[in-house]
Amino acid sequence: MKRVWFIAATVALAAGACGSGTLEPPPQASSITFQLRNDGLSTVYLFENCTIDYTITSLAEPVHAVARVGTCACECSQASCPVCGPCFAGPRDVGVGAALAEYWSTVSVTTQPTSIGGTCEQRTPLPYGRYRIDVPVYPTVADATARMLGRTATQTFDLPVAGDAVDVQLGLSP
């Protein structure tokens, strides 16, 4: 009798562990397109150093910044790393009514040393949840070049993102 009770209890615990709700699949890394739109009355400027300058923040407790994939980074799982050349560094203009697409990989990045010197990136898919993008926006080319006198355009979003695109309004609407 004890054996039957043990089997019944084990089956009940296993069924209860699954719960009555649906289980979400584990997060998968994806690429999000940020549509950086100027909905204002004048051209705005962003700063680019191989990629547009912006910060991603996880709003889950504890709130923290998410490290982005490097511009010429080597993933630790790669057998060899590409040789990278120079890239643009300076202000980018976004005219009135225009948009600039910026792509972001939904991974958390940590670096680790390699056996031959240097570092590589370990990439882990980010958990589903609420995030925020903060984009520094400047009123002039000189301000963007100096990275001074800017304001921040902010947009919150949830992962996974429907349609893999997030609109970020850069301009000051009237």
Protein backbone atom coordinates (compact mmCIF):
# COMPACT_ATOMS: atom_id res chain seq x y z
CA MET A 1 0.00 0.00 0.00
CA LYS A 2 2.87 2.39 0.81
CA ARG A 3 4.27 1.83 -2.68
CA VAL A 4 0.95 2.78 -4.37
CA TRP A 5 0.69 5.91 -2.18
CA PHE A 6 4.31 6.88 -3.05
CA ILE A 7 3.65 6.49 -6.81
CA ALA A 8 0.41 8.49 -6.57
CA ALA A 9 2.14 11.27 -4.59
CA THR A 10 5.03 11.40 -7.06
CA VAL A 11 2.65 11.67 -10.04
CA ALA A 12 0.62 14.39 -8.27
CA LEU A 13 3.75 16.40 -7.45
CA ALA A 14 5.03 16.12 -11.01
CA ALA A 15 1.68 17.24 -12.42
CA GLY A 16 1.50 20.12 -9.94
CA ALA A 17 4.99 21.26 -10.85
CA CYS A 18 3.85 21.89 -14.39
CA GLY A 19 1.01 24.11 -13.22
CA SER A 20 -2.18 24.76 -15.11
CA GLY A 21 -0.78 27.71 -17.09
CA THR A 22 1.17 27.48 -20.29
CA LEU A 23 4.92 27.37 -20.10
CA GLU A 24 6.82 30.03 -22.03
CA PRO A 25 9.62 28.83 -24.27
CA PRO A 26 13.10 29.84 -23.14
CA PRO A 27 14.27 33.20 -24.51
CA GLN A 28 15.99 33.12 -27.87
CA ALA A 29 18.41 35.76 -29.08
CA SER A 30 16.93 37.89 -31.82
CA SER A 31 17.68 41.10 -33.63
CA ILE A 32 15.56 44.16 -32.86
CA THR A 33 15.36 47.14 -35.18
CA PHE A 34 15.11 50.47 -33.43
CA GLN A 35 13.46 52.99 -35.77
CA LEU A 36 14.99 56.23 -34.52
CA ARG A 37 12.42 58.73 -35.86
CA ASN A 38 12.63 62.49 -35.90
CA ASP A 39 9.08 63.65 -35.29
CA GLY A 40 10.19 67.17 -34.34
CA LEU A 41 10.47 70.50 -36.15
CA SER A 42 14.22 70.54 -36.80
CA THR A 43 17.07 68.17 -37.64
CA VAL A 44 18.55 66.36 -34.65
CA TYR A 45 21.97 64.73 -34.29
CA LEU A 46 23.11 61.47 -32.77
CA PHE A 47 26.64 60.34 -32.03
CA GLU A 48 28.03 57.26 -33.73
CA ASN A 49 31.21 55.38 -32.95
CA CYS A 50 30.80 52.35 -35.23
CA THR A 51 27.24 52.10 -33.83
CA ILE A 52 24.76 54.75 -32.68
CA ASP A 53 25.29 55.75 -29.05
CA TYR A 54 22.43 54.46 -26.87
CA THR A 55 21.92 52.51 -23.66
CA ILE A 56 19.66 49.52 -23.03
CA THR A 57 18.41 49.03 -19.48
CA SER A 58 16.67 45.98 -18.04
CA LEU A 59 13.81 47.19 -15.85
CA ALA A 60 13.62 43.91 -13.92
CA GLU A 61 14.83 44.08 -10.31
CA PRO A 62 17.57 44.97 -9.88
CA VAL A 63 17.39 47.54 -12.69
CA HIS A 64 20.67 47.42 -14.64
CA ALA A 65 22.31 48.43 -17.91
CA VAL A 66 22.72 45.68 -20.51
CA ALA A 67 26.16 45.34 -22.10
CA ARG A 68 25.87 45.37 -25.91
CA VAL A 69 27.71 43.26 -28.46
CA GLY A 70 30.98 44.94 -29.41
CA THR A 71 31.40 46.45 -32.85
CA CYS A 72 34.32 44.22 -33.78
CA ALA A 73 33.95 41.56 -31.14
CA CYS A 74 34.80 37.91 -31.34
CA GLU A 75 32.29 35.48 -29.88
CA CYS A 76 33.98 32.92 -27.65
CA SER A 77 32.45 30.03 -29.61
CA GLN A 78 34.14 31.16 -32.87
CA ALA A 79 37.21 29.26 -34.03
CA SER A 80 38.76 32.42 -35.49
CA CYS A 81 37.97 36.11 -35.30
CA PRO A 82 37.52 38.54 -38.18
CA VAL A 83 39.96 41.36 -38.79
CA CYS A 84 38.15 44.66 -38.42
CA GLY A 85 38.93 47.92 -40.11
CA PRO A 86 38.09 51.49 -39.17
CA CYS A 87 34.50 52.64 -38.85
CA PHE A 88 32.75 55.99 -38.76
CA ALA A 89 32.96 58.06 -35.57
CA GLY A 90 31.07 61.34 -35.40
CA PRO A 91 27.66 62.99 -35.59
CA ARG A 92 24.77 61.52 -37.62
CA ASP A 93 21.91 63.76 -38.64
CA VAL A 94 18.27 62.69 -38.63
CA GLY A 95 16.20 65.15 -40.64
CA VAL A 96 12.62 66.16 -39.92
CA GLY A 97 10.33 63.23 -40.74
CA ALA A 98 13.28 60.87 -41.32
CA ALA A 99 14.21 57.67 -39.49
CA LEU A 100 17.47 55.89 -38.89
CA ALA A 101 17.42 52.10 -38.37
CA GLU A 102 19.71 50.74 -35.67
CA TYR A 103 19.97 47.01 -34.99
CA TRP A 104 20.38 45.42 -31.57
CA SER A 105 21.00 41.79 -30.66
CA THR A 106 18.94 40.74 -27.62
CA VAL A 107 21.82 39.23 -25.70
CA SER A 108 23.72 40.01 -22.54
CA VAL A 109 27.46 40.20 -23.11
CA THR A 110 30.31 39.34 -20.78
CA THR A 111 33.96 39.28 -21.79
CA GLN A 112 36.54 36.71 -20.85
CA PRO A 113 40.24 36.32 -21.59
CA THR A 114 41.34 34.00 -24.39
CA SER A 115 44.21 31.52 -24.27
CA ILE A 116 46.14 33.49 -26.91
CA GLY A 117 45.69 36.88 -25.28
CA GLY A 118 42.91 39.39 -25.73
CA THR A 119 39.27 38.79 -24.91
CA CYS A 120 36.18 37.25 -26.42
CA GLU A 121 32.48 37.77 -25.79
CA GLN A 122 30.17 35.27 -24.14
CA ARG A 123 26.61 36.00 -25.31
CA THR A 124 23.49 34.90 -23.45
CA PRO A 125 19.91 35.53 -24.62
CA LEU A 126 18.17 38.15 -22.48
CA PRO A 127 15.14 37.06 -20.45
CA TYR A 128 11.71 38.19 -21.51
CA GLY A 129 10.56 41.31 -19.71
CA ARG A 130 10.54 45.09 -19.77
CA TYR A 131 13.49 47.09 -21.14
CA ARG A 132 14.24 50.72 -21.99
CA ILE A 133 16.35 52.36 -24.68
CA ASP A 134 17.89 55.78 -23.95
CA VAL A 135 19.29 57.68 -26.94
CA PRO A 136 21.30 60.90 -26.46
CA VAL A 137 19.97 63.49 -28.94
CA TYR A 138 21.80 66.74 -29.76
CA PRO A 139 20.53 69.98 -31.32
CA THR A 140 23.66 70.73 -33.38
CA VAL A 141 26.59 68.98 -35.08
CA ALA A 142 29.00 70.67 -32.65
CA ASP A 143 27.03 69.45 -29.62
CA ALA A 144 26.94 65.89 -30.99
CA THR A 145 30.68 65.99 -31.74
CA ALA A 146 31.42 67.20 -28.20
CA ARG A 147 28.68 64.95 -26.76
CA MET A 148 27.40 67.88 -24.73
CA LEU A 149 24.12 69.74 -24.29
CA GLY A 150 22.06 66.75 -25.35
CA ARG A 151 18.80 65.43 -24.03
CA THR A 152 17.66 61.82 -23.89
CA ALA A 153 14.94 60.21 -26.00
CA THR A 154 13.51 57.24 -24.11
CA GLN A 155 11.26 54.35 -25.09
CA THR A 156 10.25 51.32 -23.01
CA PHE A 157 9.49 47.98 -24.66
CA ASP A 158 8.94 44.34 -23.80
CA LEU A 159 10.90 41.32 -25.00
CA PRO A 160 9.91 39.55 -27.08
CA VAL A 161 9.08 42.46 -29.40
CA ALA A 162 6.15 41.94 -31.75
CA GLY A 163 7.43 42.43 -35.30
CA ASP A 164 11.01 42.84 -33.98
CA ALA A 165 10.80 46.66 -34.32
CA VAL A 166 10.60 49.47 -31.76
CA ASP A 167 9.86 53.10 -32.67
CA VAL A 168 11.86 55.71 -30.76
CA GLN A 169 10.75 59.32 -31.18
CA LEU A 170 13.78 61.63 -31.24
CA GLY A 171 12.25 65.03 -31.94
CA LEU A 172 10.45 67.42 -29.66
CA SER A 173 6.91 67.36 -30.96
CA PRO A 174 5.02 70.68 -31.01
